[in-house]
């Protein structure tokens, strides 16, 4: 009985500290130091309506848009409510058929030559907002044709939307599809 009172008191104290004070301080610091990121990095249109976040993949399937990395929840889109990996190994027959079907769909859409892996292999989270510059470049002919613009102008948009290494050393070059597709919408509407 002597241990019960201090245990309950410690539970209450640590609940207040860890469940209230600490999250409030961290959230306050995040809003002060990184206000845009803390609010979700939302992108707004001309009418100030939120149309997406640069941190979460968006569903694009229209030929005039660059397509995202496939999610394991859907083929060429994203389902944020169902974020997860497939846990299928590289020799799993169902996985191999899915990848083969995705390669065929891309070839049917006009992609020629080899297809970058990130366009056919599902992402682990299902929410990746980026693809590799190579995955964007193989889609240029389809996007240019669908928009009725030159491939050179679409390649320039890809080049401008390509982000370098984080802090100059981390990761790999990548293209944020929401940013790229919105930029294309600006000059091809």
N, C-alpha and C. Protein backbone atom coordinates (compact mmCIF):
# COMPACT_ATOMS: atom_id res chain seq x y z
N UNK A 1 0.82 -1.20 0.00
CA UNK A 1 0.00 0.00 0.00
C UNK A 1 0.86 1.26 0.00
N UNK A 2 2.04 1.18 0.65
CA UNK A 2 2.94 2.33 0.71
C UNK A 2 3.45 2.70 -0.67
N UNK A 3 3.56 1.73 -1.60
CA UNK A 3 4.07 2.00 -2.94
C UNK A 3 2.99 2.52 -3.87
N UNK A 4 1.74 2.29 -3.56
CA UNK A 4 0.64 2.66 -4.46
C UNK A 4 0.49 4.18 -4.58
N UNK A 5 0.55 4.89 -3.48
CA UNK A 5 0.38 6.34 -3.52
C UNK A 5 1.46 7.02 -4.35
N UNK A 6 2.77 6.72 -4.14
CA UNK A 6 3.79 7.35 -4.99
C UNK A 6 3.66 6.93 -6.46
N UNK A 7 3.25 5.70 -6.72
CA UNK A 7 3.10 5.24 -8.11
C UNK A 7 1.99 6.02 -8.81
N UNK A 8 0.88 6.22 -8.15
CA UNK A 8 -0.23 6.99 -8.74
C UNK A 8 0.18 8.45 -8.93
N UNK A 9 0.88 9.00 -7.95
CA UNK A 9 1.36 10.38 -8.05
C UNK A 9 2.33 10.52 -9.23
N UNK A 10 3.25 9.58 -9.40
CA UNK A 10 4.21 9.62 -10.52
C UNK A 10 3.47 9.48 -11.85
N UNK A 11 2.45 8.64 -11.90
CA UNK A 11 1.66 8.48 -13.12
C UNK A 11 1.02 9.81 -13.50
N UNK A 12 0.45 10.49 -12.54
CA UNK A 12 -0.20 11.78 -12.80
C UNK A 12 0.83 12.81 -13.25
N UNK A 13 1.95 12.91 -12.54
CA UNK A 13 2.99 13.89 -12.87
C UNK A 13 3.54 13.64 -14.27
N UNK A 14 3.90 12.40 -14.57
CA UNK A 14 4.48 12.10 -15.89
C UNK A 14 3.44 12.20 -17.01
N UNK A 15 2.20 11.96 -16.71
CA UNK A 15 1.15 12.16 -17.72
C UNK A 15 1.04 13.64 -18.06
N UNK A 16 1.09 14.48 -17.07
CA UNK A 16 1.03 15.93 -17.30
C UNK A 16 2.26 16.39 -18.09
N UNK A 17 3.45 15.94 -17.65
CA UNK A 17 4.69 16.37 -18.32
C UNK A 17 4.77 15.80 -19.74
N UNK A 18 4.65 14.49 -19.87
CA UNK A 18 4.86 13.83 -21.18
C UNK A 18 3.65 13.93 -22.10
N UNK A 19 2.48 14.05 -21.53
CA UNK A 19 1.28 14.10 -22.36
C UNK A 19 0.75 15.49 -22.60
N UNK A 20 1.26 16.48 -21.87
CA UNK A 20 0.76 17.84 -22.04
C UNK A 20 1.85 18.87 -22.26
N UNK A 21 2.73 19.02 -21.27
CA UNK A 21 3.74 20.08 -21.33
C UNK A 21 4.73 19.84 -22.47
N UNK A 22 5.34 18.65 -22.53
CA UNK A 22 6.34 18.37 -23.57
C UNK A 22 5.75 18.52 -24.99
N UNK A 23 4.60 17.90 -25.32
CA UNK A 23 4.05 18.10 -26.67
C UNK A 23 3.73 19.57 -26.97
N UNK A 24 3.27 20.32 -25.98
CA UNK A 24 2.96 21.73 -26.20
C UNK A 24 4.23 22.53 -26.50
N UNK A 25 5.31 22.25 -25.79
CA UNK A 25 6.58 22.95 -26.03
C UNK A 25 7.14 22.60 -27.40
N UNK A 26 7.15 21.32 -27.75
CA UNK A 26 7.68 20.89 -29.06
C UNK A 26 6.84 21.48 -30.19
N UNK A 27 5.53 21.46 -30.05
CA UNK A 27 4.66 22.04 -31.07
C UNK A 27 4.87 23.54 -31.18
N UNK A 28 4.99 24.21 -30.06
CA UNK A 28 5.25 25.65 -30.08
C UNK A 28 6.57 25.98 -30.75
N UNK A 29 7.62 25.22 -30.46
CA UNK A 29 8.92 25.43 -31.11
C UNK A 29 8.82 25.16 -32.62
N UNK A 30 8.11 24.12 -32.99
CA UNK A 30 7.96 23.80 -34.41
C UNK A 30 7.26 24.94 -35.14
N UNK A 31 6.21 25.47 -34.57
CA UNK A 31 5.50 26.59 -35.20
C UNK A 31 6.36 27.85 -35.26
N UNK A 32 7.23 28.03 -34.26
CA UNK A 32 8.08 29.22 -34.25
C UNK A 32 9.24 29.10 -35.23
N UNK A 33 9.86 27.92 -35.31
CA UNK A 33 11.05 27.74 -36.14
C UNK A 33 10.71 27.30 -37.57
N UNK A 34 9.74 26.41 -37.73
CA UNK A 34 9.35 25.89 -39.04
C UNK A 34 7.84 26.03 -39.24
N UNK A 35 7.32 27.26 -39.35
CA UNK A 35 5.86 27.44 -39.37
C UNK A 35 5.17 26.75 -40.55
N UNK A 36 5.74 26.82 -41.75
CA UNK A 36 5.08 26.20 -42.90
C UNK A 36 5.04 24.67 -42.76
N UNK A 37 6.16 24.07 -42.37
CA UNK A 37 6.21 22.62 -42.22
C UNK A 37 5.31 22.15 -41.07
N UNK A 38 5.27 22.90 -39.99
CA UNK A 38 4.46 22.52 -38.84
C UNK A 38 2.97 22.52 -39.18
N UNK A 39 2.61 23.33 -40.17
CA UNK A 39 1.20 23.39 -40.59
C UNK A 39 0.90 22.43 -41.72
N UNK A 40 1.87 21.59 -42.12
CA UNK A 40 1.61 20.57 -43.13
C UNK A 40 2.13 20.88 -44.51
N UNK A 41 2.81 21.99 -44.71
CA UNK A 41 3.37 22.37 -46.01
C UNK A 41 2.32 22.33 -47.12
N UNK A 42 1.16 22.89 -46.84
CA UNK A 42 0.09 22.89 -47.82
C UNK A 42 0.36 23.87 -48.96
N UNK A 43 -0.11 23.49 -50.13
CA UNK A 43 -0.03 24.35 -51.31
C UNK A 43 -1.43 24.89 -51.54
N UNK A 44 -1.52 26.20 -51.80
CA UNK A 44 -2.83 26.81 -52.02
C UNK A 44 -2.91 27.33 -53.45
N UNK A 45 -4.12 27.36 -54.00
CA UNK A 45 -4.32 27.87 -55.35
C UNK A 45 -4.60 29.38 -55.30
N UNK A 46 -4.96 29.94 -56.44
CA UNK A 46 -5.19 31.39 -56.53
C UNK A 46 -6.32 31.86 -55.63
N UNK A 47 -7.28 30.98 -55.33
CA UNK A 47 -8.40 31.36 -54.48
C UNK A 47 -8.12 31.08 -53.01
N UNK A 48 -6.86 30.76 -52.69
CA UNK A 48 -6.42 30.46 -51.33
C UNK A 48 -7.03 29.16 -50.79
N UNK A 49 -7.37 28.26 -51.69
CA UNK A 49 -7.92 26.96 -51.31
C UNK A 49 -6.77 25.95 -51.25
N UNK A 50 -6.69 25.17 -50.18
CA UNK A 50 -5.64 24.16 -50.05
C UNK A 50 -5.89 23.05 -51.06
N UNK A 51 -4.87 22.74 -51.86
CA UNK A 51 -5.03 21.71 -52.90
C UNK A 51 -4.11 20.52 -52.70
N UNK A 52 -3.30 20.54 -51.69
CA UNK A 52 -2.42 19.42 -51.41
C UNK A 52 -1.26 19.83 -50.54
N UNK A 53 -0.45 18.85 -50.19
CA UNK A 53 0.74 19.08 -49.38
C UNK A 53 1.95 18.58 -50.16
N UNK A 54 3.04 19.32 -50.08
CA UNK A 54 4.25 18.86 -50.78
C UNK A 54 4.92 17.72 -50.03
N UNK A 55 4.40 17.36 -48.87
CA UNK A 55 4.98 16.28 -48.06
C UNK A 55 4.30 14.94 -48.28
N UNK A 56 3.13 14.92 -48.92
CA UNK A 56 2.37 13.69 -49.10
C UNK A 56 2.02 13.53 -50.57
N UNK A 57 2.22 12.34 -51.10
CA UNK A 57 1.92 12.06 -52.50
C UNK A 57 0.47 12.33 -52.84
N UNK A 58 0.25 12.79 -54.06
CA UNK A 58 -1.10 13.11 -54.55
C UNK A 58 -1.46 12.14 -55.68
N UNK A 59 -2.73 11.84 -55.84
CA UNK A 59 -3.13 10.95 -56.94
C UNK A 59 -3.19 11.70 -58.27
N UNK A 60 -2.35 11.32 -59.22
CA UNK A 60 -2.37 11.87 -60.57
C UNK A 60 -2.47 10.69 -61.54
N UNK A 61 -3.48 10.67 -62.39
CA UNK A 61 -3.59 9.58 -63.36
C UNK A 61 -3.87 10.10 -64.77
N UNK A 62 -4.21 11.37 -64.90
CA UNK A 62 -4.46 11.97 -66.20
C UNK A 62 -3.15 11.99 -67.00
N UNK A 63 -3.19 11.67 -68.31
CA UNK A 63 -1.96 11.66 -69.11
C UNK A 63 -1.22 12.98 -69.16
N UNK A 64 -1.90 14.10 -68.89
CA UNK A 64 -1.21 15.40 -68.94
C UNK A 64 -0.41 15.68 -67.68
N UNK A 65 -0.49 14.79 -66.71
CA UNK A 65 0.27 14.94 -65.47
C UNK A 65 1.34 13.87 -65.35
N UNK A 66 2.39 14.20 -64.63
CA UNK A 66 3.39 13.20 -64.29
C UNK A 66 2.78 12.28 -63.23
N UNK A 67 2.98 10.99 -63.41
CA UNK A 67 2.40 10.01 -62.49
C UNK A 67 3.35 9.73 -61.35
N UNK A 68 2.80 9.47 -60.17
CA UNK A 68 3.63 9.21 -59.00
C UNK A 68 4.13 7.78 -58.94
N UNK A 69 4.94 7.55 -57.96
CA UNK A 69 5.37 6.19 -57.66
C UNK A 69 4.13 5.43 -57.19
N UNK A 70 3.97 4.19 -57.64
CA UNK A 70 2.77 3.46 -57.23
C UNK A 70 2.77 3.16 -55.74
N UNK A 71 1.59 3.13 -55.21
CA UNK A 71 1.39 2.77 -53.82
C UNK A 71 0.96 1.31 -53.78
N UNK A 72 1.22 0.65 -52.67
CA UNK A 72 0.73 -0.71 -52.54
C UNK A 72 -0.76 -0.74 -52.27
N UNK A 73 -1.35 0.44 -52.01
CA UNK A 73 -2.79 0.49 -51.74
C UNK A 73 -3.60 0.65 -53.02
N UNK A 74 -3.02 1.28 -54.05
CA UNK A 74 -3.68 1.43 -55.34
C UNK A 74 -2.60 1.40 -56.41
N UNK A 75 -2.97 1.38 -57.69
CA UNK A 75 -1.96 1.28 -58.73
C UNK A 75 -1.20 2.57 -58.97
N UNK A 76 -1.83 3.60 -59.51
CA UNK A 76 -1.12 4.83 -59.80
C UNK A 76 -1.67 5.98 -58.99
N UNK A 77 -1.87 5.75 -57.71
CA UNK A 77 -2.39 6.81 -56.86
C UNK A 77 -2.02 6.57 -55.43
N UNK A 78 -2.66 7.28 -54.56
CA UNK A 78 -2.34 7.20 -53.15
C UNK A 78 -3.62 7.11 -52.34
N UNK A 79 -3.56 6.36 -51.28
CA UNK A 79 -4.66 6.26 -50.35
C UNK A 79 -4.08 6.52 -48.97
N UNK A 80 -4.08 7.77 -48.51
CA UNK A 80 -3.45 8.08 -47.24
C UNK A 80 -4.05 7.32 -46.07
N UNK A 81 -5.29 6.89 -46.19
CA UNK A 81 -5.91 6.14 -45.11
C UNK A 81 -5.40 4.70 -45.07
N UNK A 82 -4.79 4.24 -46.15
CA UNK A 82 -4.32 2.86 -46.21
C UNK A 82 -2.82 2.77 -46.38
N UNK A 83 -2.07 3.68 -45.79
CA UNK A 83 -0.62 3.70 -45.95
C UNK A 83 0.00 2.44 -45.36
N UNK A 84 0.70 1.71 -46.22
CA UNK A 84 1.42 0.53 -45.74
C UNK A 84 2.21 -0.07 -46.88
N UNK A 85 3.14 -0.93 -46.54
CA UNK A 85 3.88 -1.69 -47.54
C UNK A 85 3.16 -3.00 -47.83
N UNK A 86 3.62 -3.72 -48.83
CA UNK A 86 2.95 -4.96 -49.19
C UNK A 86 3.56 -6.17 -48.51
N UNK A 87 4.81 -6.07 -48.06
CA UNK A 87 5.56 -7.17 -47.49
C UNK A 87 5.78 -8.31 -48.47
N UNK A 88 5.58 -8.07 -49.76
CA UNK A 88 5.84 -9.08 -50.78
C UNK A 88 7.30 -9.02 -51.18
N UNK A 89 7.96 -10.17 -51.20
CA UNK A 89 9.37 -10.24 -51.56
C UNK A 89 9.57 -10.16 -53.06
N UNK A 90 10.82 -9.99 -53.50
CA UNK A 90 11.11 -9.83 -54.93
C UNK A 90 10.89 -11.07 -55.77
N UNK A 91 10.66 -12.21 -55.15
CA UNK A 91 10.38 -13.44 -55.91
C UNK A 91 8.93 -13.87 -55.80
N UNK A 92 8.12 -13.09 -55.11
CA UNK A 92 6.71 -13.41 -54.94
C UNK A 92 6.01 -13.31 -56.30
N UNK A 93 5.32 -14.37 -56.75
CA UNK A 93 4.68 -14.35 -58.07
C UNK A 93 3.65 -13.22 -58.24
N UNK A 94 2.88 -12.94 -57.20
CA UNK A 94 1.89 -11.85 -57.30
C UNK A 94 2.58 -10.50 -57.46
N UNK A 95 3.66 -10.31 -56.72
CA UNK A 95 4.43 -9.07 -56.82
C UNK A 95 5.02 -8.93 -58.22
N UNK A 96 5.60 -9.99 -58.74
CA UNK A 96 6.20 -9.95 -60.08
C UNK A 96 5.15 -9.65 -61.14
N UNK A 97 3.95 -10.21 -60.97
CA UNK A 97 2.87 -9.93 -61.93
C UNK A 97 2.44 -8.47 -61.84
N UNK A 98 2.34 -7.95 -60.62
CA UNK A 98 1.98 -6.54 -60.43
C UNK A 98 2.99 -5.62 -61.09
N UNK A 99 4.27 -5.89 -60.88
CA UNK A 99 5.33 -5.07 -61.49
C UNK A 99 5.26 -5.18 -63.01
N UNK A 100 5.07 -6.40 -63.51
CA UNK A 100 4.97 -6.61 -64.96
C UNK A 100 3.77 -5.86 -65.53
N UNK A 101 2.64 -5.88 -64.85
CA UNK A 101 1.46 -5.15 -65.31
C UNK A 101 1.72 -3.64 -65.32
N UNK A 102 2.44 -3.14 -64.32
CA UNK A 102 2.76 -1.71 -64.27
C UNK A 102 3.70 -1.32 -65.41
N UNK A 103 4.68 -2.17 -65.70
CA UNK A 103 5.59 -1.90 -66.82
C UNK A 103 4.80 -1.86 -68.12
N UNK A 104 3.89 -2.81 -68.31
CA UNK A 104 3.06 -2.85 -69.52
C UNK A 104 2.20 -1.59 -69.62
N UNK A 105 1.59 -1.18 -68.51
CA UNK A 105 0.75 0.04 -68.53
C UNK A 105 1.58 1.26 -68.91
N UNK A 106 2.78 1.35 -68.42
CA UNK A 106 3.64 2.49 -68.77
C UNK A 106 4.06 2.43 -70.24
N UNK A 107 4.40 1.24 -70.72
CA UNK A 107 4.74 1.12 -72.14
C UNK A 107 3.53 1.45 -73.01
N UNK A 108 2.35 1.01 -72.59
CA UNK A 108 1.13 1.33 -73.34
C UNK A 108 0.85 2.83 -73.36
N UNK A 109 1.31 3.55 -72.32
CA UNK A 109 1.07 4.99 -72.25
C UNK A 109 2.10 5.78 -73.06
N UNK A 110 3.10 5.08 -73.59
CA UNK A 110 4.08 5.76 -74.43
C UNK A 110 5.50 5.78 -73.90
N UNK A 111 5.72 5.24 -72.71
CA UNK A 111 7.08 5.18 -72.18
C UNK A 111 7.85 4.14 -72.99
N UNK A 112 9.02 4.54 -73.49
CA UNK A 112 9.83 3.62 -74.28
C UNK A 112 11.09 3.25 -73.50
N UNK A 113 11.68 2.14 -73.85
CA UNK A 113 12.91 1.70 -73.20
C UNK A 113 12.66 1.16 -71.81
N UNK A 114 13.73 1.17 -71.02
CA UNK A 114 13.59 0.64 -69.67
C UNK A 114 12.81 1.61 -68.79
N UNK A 115 12.12 1.05 -67.83
CA UNK A 115 11.28 1.83 -66.93
C UNK A 115 11.98 1.92 -65.58
N UNK A 116 12.17 3.12 -65.04
CA UNK A 116 12.81 3.24 -63.72
C UNK A 116 12.01 2.48 -62.65
N UNK A 117 12.74 1.89 -61.75
CA UNK A 117 12.13 1.05 -60.71
C UNK A 117 11.08 1.79 -59.89
N UNK A 118 11.31 3.08 -59.63
CA UNK A 118 10.36 3.78 -58.76
C UNK A 118 9.01 4.03 -59.42
N UNK A 119 8.87 3.76 -60.71
CA UNK A 119 7.56 3.87 -61.36
C UNK A 119 6.78 2.56 -61.34
N UNK A 120 7.42 1.47 -60.93
CA UNK A 120 6.72 0.19 -60.95
C UNK A 120 6.75 -0.55 -59.62
N UNK A 121 7.64 -0.17 -58.73
CA UNK A 121 7.70 -0.82 -57.43
C UNK A 121 7.00 0.05 -56.41
N UNK A 122 6.05 -0.54 -55.69
CA UNK A 122 5.28 0.22 -54.72
C UNK A 122 6.15 0.76 -53.60
N UNK A 123 5.81 1.94 -53.14
CA UNK A 123 6.58 2.55 -52.06
C UNK A 123 6.20 1.90 -50.73
N UNK A 124 7.10 1.99 -49.79
CA UNK A 124 6.85 1.37 -48.49
C UNK A 124 5.72 2.07 -47.75
N UNK A 125 5.67 3.39 -47.82
CA UNK A 125 4.63 4.11 -47.09
C UNK A 125 3.37 4.29 -47.93
N UNK A 126 3.54 4.31 -49.26
CA UNK A 126 2.41 4.60 -50.13
C UNK A 126 2.13 6.08 -50.25
N UNK A 127 2.97 6.92 -49.65
CA UNK A 127 2.70 8.34 -49.63
C UNK A 127 3.85 9.20 -50.16
N UNK A 128 4.79 8.59 -50.87
CA UNK A 128 5.96 9.33 -51.36
C UNK A 128 5.55 10.44 -52.32
N UNK A 129 5.95 11.69 -52.04
CA UNK A 129 5.60 12.79 -52.94
C UNK A 129 6.59 12.96 -54.09
N UNK A 130 7.70 12.20 -54.06
CA UNK A 130 8.77 12.38 -55.04
C UNK A 130 8.96 11.16 -55.93
N UNK A 131 9.53 11.40 -57.11
CA UNK A 131 10.07 10.35 -57.96
C UNK A 131 11.47 10.80 -58.37
N UNK A 132 12.23 9.89 -58.95
CA UNK A 132 13.57 10.25 -59.41
C UNK A 132 13.46 11.10 -60.67
N UNK A 133 14.49 11.90 -60.96
CA UNK A 133 14.48 12.66 -62.21
C UNK A 133 14.36 11.73 -63.43
N UNK A 134 14.95 10.55 -63.36
CA UNK A 134 14.85 9.59 -64.47
C UNK A 134 13.40 9.15 -64.69
N UNK A 135 12.68 8.93 -63.60
CA UNK A 135 11.27 8.52 -63.70
C UNK A 135 10.43 9.65 -64.28
N UNK A 136 10.81 10.88 -64.02
CA UNK A 136 10.09 12.02 -64.61
C UNK A 136 10.42 12.14 -66.09
N UNK A 137 11.69 11.99 -66.43
CA UNK A 137 12.11 12.18 -67.82
C UNK A 137 11.51 11.16 -68.78
N UNK A 138 11.28 9.91 -68.32
CA UNK A 138 10.67 8.93 -69.24
C UNK A 138 9.20 9.25 -69.50
N UNK A 139 8.60 10.10 -68.67
CA UNK A 139 7.20 10.48 -68.85
C UNK A 139 7.03 11.74 -69.69
N UNK A 140 8.13 12.43 -69.98
CA UNK A 140 8.08 13.71 -70.70
C UNK A 140 7.33 13.61 -72.03
N UNK A 141 7.62 12.61 -72.90
CA UNK A 141 6.91 12.57 -74.18
C UNK A 141 5.38 12.49 -74.03
N UNK A 142 4.91 11.66 -73.09
CA UNK A 142 3.46 11.52 -72.86
C UNK A 142 2.86 12.83 -72.37
N UNK A 143 3.50 13.46 -71.41
CA UNK A 143 2.98 14.70 -70.83
C UNK A 143 2.98 15.81 -71.88
N UNK A 144 4.07 15.91 -72.64
CA UNK A 144 4.16 16.96 -73.68
C UNK A 144 3.09 16.75 -74.74
N UNK A 145 2.90 15.51 -75.17
CA UNK A 145 1.88 15.20 -76.17
C UNK A 145 0.48 15.52 -75.65
N UNK A 146 0.19 15.14 -74.40
CA UNK A 146 -1.14 15.37 -73.83
C UNK A 146 -1.42 16.86 -73.62
N UNK A 147 -0.38 17.64 -73.38
CA UNK A 147 -0.55 19.08 -73.15
C UNK A 147 -0.38 19.89 -74.42
N UNK A 148 0.11 19.27 -75.49
CA UNK A 148 0.31 19.98 -76.74
C UNK A 148 1.44 21.00 -76.67
N UNK A 149 2.49 20.67 -75.93
CA UNK A 149 3.65 21.55 -75.81
C UNK A 149 4.90 20.78 -76.20
N UNK A 150 5.99 21.49 -76.35
CA UNK A 150 7.24 20.84 -76.76
C UNK A 150 7.83 20.05 -75.59
N UNK A 151 8.54 18.98 -75.95
CA UNK A 151 9.21 18.18 -74.93
C UNK A 151 10.29 19.00 -74.23
N UNK A 152 10.89 19.93 -74.94
CA UNK A 152 11.95 20.76 -74.36
C UNK A 152 11.39 21.58 -73.19
N UNK A 153 10.21 22.18 -73.36
CA UNK A 153 9.64 22.99 -72.28
C UNK A 153 9.26 22.12 -71.08
N UNK A 154 8.79 20.90 -71.33
CA UNK A 154 8.44 20.00 -70.23
C UNK A 154 9.72 19.54 -69.52
N UNK A 155 10.78 19.26 -70.28
CA UNK A 155 12.06 18.88 -69.66
C UNK A 155 12.61 20.02 -68.82
N UNK A 156 12.43 21.24 -69.28
CA UNK A 156 12.89 22.40 -68.48
C UNK A 156 12.12 22.48 -67.16
N UNK A 157 10.82 22.20 -67.22
CA UNK A 157 10.01 22.21 -65.99
C UNK A 157 10.49 21.12 -65.03
N UNK A 158 10.83 19.95 -65.58
CA UNK A 158 11.35 18.86 -64.74
C UNK A 158 12.67 19.29 -64.10
N UNK A 159 13.53 19.89 -64.90
CA UNK A 159 14.84 20.34 -64.39
C UNK A 159 14.66 21.37 -63.27
N UNK A 160 13.74 22.31 -63.45
CA UNK A 160 13.50 23.33 -62.43
C UNK A 160 12.89 22.75 -61.17
N UNK A 161 12.10 21.68 -61.31
CA UNK A 161 11.44 21.08 -60.14
C UNK A 161 12.31 20.04 -59.45
N UNK A 162 13.47 19.74 -60.01
CA UNK A 162 14.35 18.74 -59.40
C UNK A 162 15.05 19.33 -58.20
N UNK A 163 14.90 18.65 -57.08
CA UNK A 163 15.54 19.07 -55.83
C UNK A 163 16.85 18.31 -55.70
N UNK A 164 17.88 18.98 -55.22
CA UNK A 164 19.18 18.36 -55.04
C UNK A 164 19.26 17.57 -53.75
N UNK A 165 20.48 17.23 -53.38
CA UNK A 165 20.71 16.50 -52.14
C UNK A 165 20.35 17.37 -50.94
N UNK A 166 19.76 16.75 -49.96
CA UNK A 166 19.39 17.50 -48.76
C UNK A 166 20.67 17.86 -47.99
N UNK A 167 20.81 19.11 -47.64
CA UNK A 167 22.00 19.63 -46.98
C UNK A 167 23.26 19.38 -47.81
N UNK A 168 23.09 19.14 -49.11
CA UNK A 168 24.22 18.93 -50.00
C UNK A 168 24.85 17.55 -49.94
N UNK A 169 24.40 16.68 -49.04
CA UNK A 169 25.03 15.37 -48.91
C UNK A 169 24.05 14.21 -48.72
N UNK A 170 22.83 14.46 -48.29
CA UNK A 170 21.89 13.39 -47.95
C UNK A 170 20.93 13.08 -49.09
N UNK A 171 20.63 11.80 -49.27
CA UNK A 171 19.61 11.39 -50.23
C UNK A 171 20.09 11.40 -51.66
N UNK A 172 19.15 11.58 -52.55
CA UNK A 172 19.41 11.60 -53.99
C UNK A 172 18.54 12.69 -54.61
N UNK A 173 18.90 13.16 -55.80
CA UNK A 173 18.03 14.14 -56.47
C UNK A 173 16.62 13.56 -56.63
N UNK A 174 15.62 14.43 -56.53
CA UNK A 174 14.23 13.98 -56.59
C UNK A 174 13.35 15.10 -57.14
N UNK A 175 12.18 14.69 -57.62
CA UNK A 175 11.22 15.63 -58.19
C UNK A 175 9.92 15.52 -57.41
N UNK A 176 9.46 16.64 -56.86
CA UNK A 176 8.18 16.66 -56.16
C UNK A 176 7.09 16.82 -57.21
N UNK A 177 6.22 15.80 -57.32
CA UNK A 177 5.23 15.79 -58.40
C UNK A 177 4.16 16.85 -58.27
N UNK A 178 3.73 17.16 -57.08
CA UNK A 178 2.71 18.20 -56.93
C UNK A 178 3.26 19.53 -57.42
N UNK A 179 4.47 19.86 -57.02
CA UNK A 179 5.10 21.11 -57.45
C UNK A 179 5.25 21.12 -58.97
N UNK A 180 5.75 20.03 -59.56
CA UNK A 180 5.96 19.94 -61.00
C UNK A 180 4.64 20.06 -61.76
N UNK A 181 3.64 19.29 -61.37
CA UNK A 181 2.36 19.32 -62.08
C UNK A 181 1.66 20.67 -61.97
N UNK A 182 1.75 21.31 -60.84
CA UNK A 182 1.16 22.65 -60.69
C UNK A 182 1.90 23.66 -61.55
N UNK A 183 3.22 23.52 -61.65
CA UNK A 183 4.00 24.43 -62.49
C UNK A 183 3.60 24.25 -63.97
N UNK A 184 3.41 23.00 -64.39
CA UNK A 184 2.98 22.74 -65.76
C UNK A 184 1.59 23.33 -66.03
N UNK A 185 0.71 23.24 -65.04
CA UNK A 185 -0.63 23.82 -65.20
C UNK A 185 -0.58 25.33 -65.42
N UNK A 186 0.41 25.99 -64.84
CA UNK A 186 0.52 27.45 -64.97
C UNK A 186 0.76 27.88 -66.40
N UNK A 187 1.58 27.13 -67.14
CA UNK A 187 1.92 27.59 -68.48
C UNK A 187 1.27 26.80 -69.60
N UNK A 188 0.41 25.85 -69.28
CA UNK A 188 -0.23 25.09 -70.36
C UNK A 188 -1.73 25.05 -70.28
N UNK A 189 -2.34 25.87 -69.52
CA UNK A 189 -3.83 25.84 -69.43
C UNK A 189 -4.46 26.45 -70.62
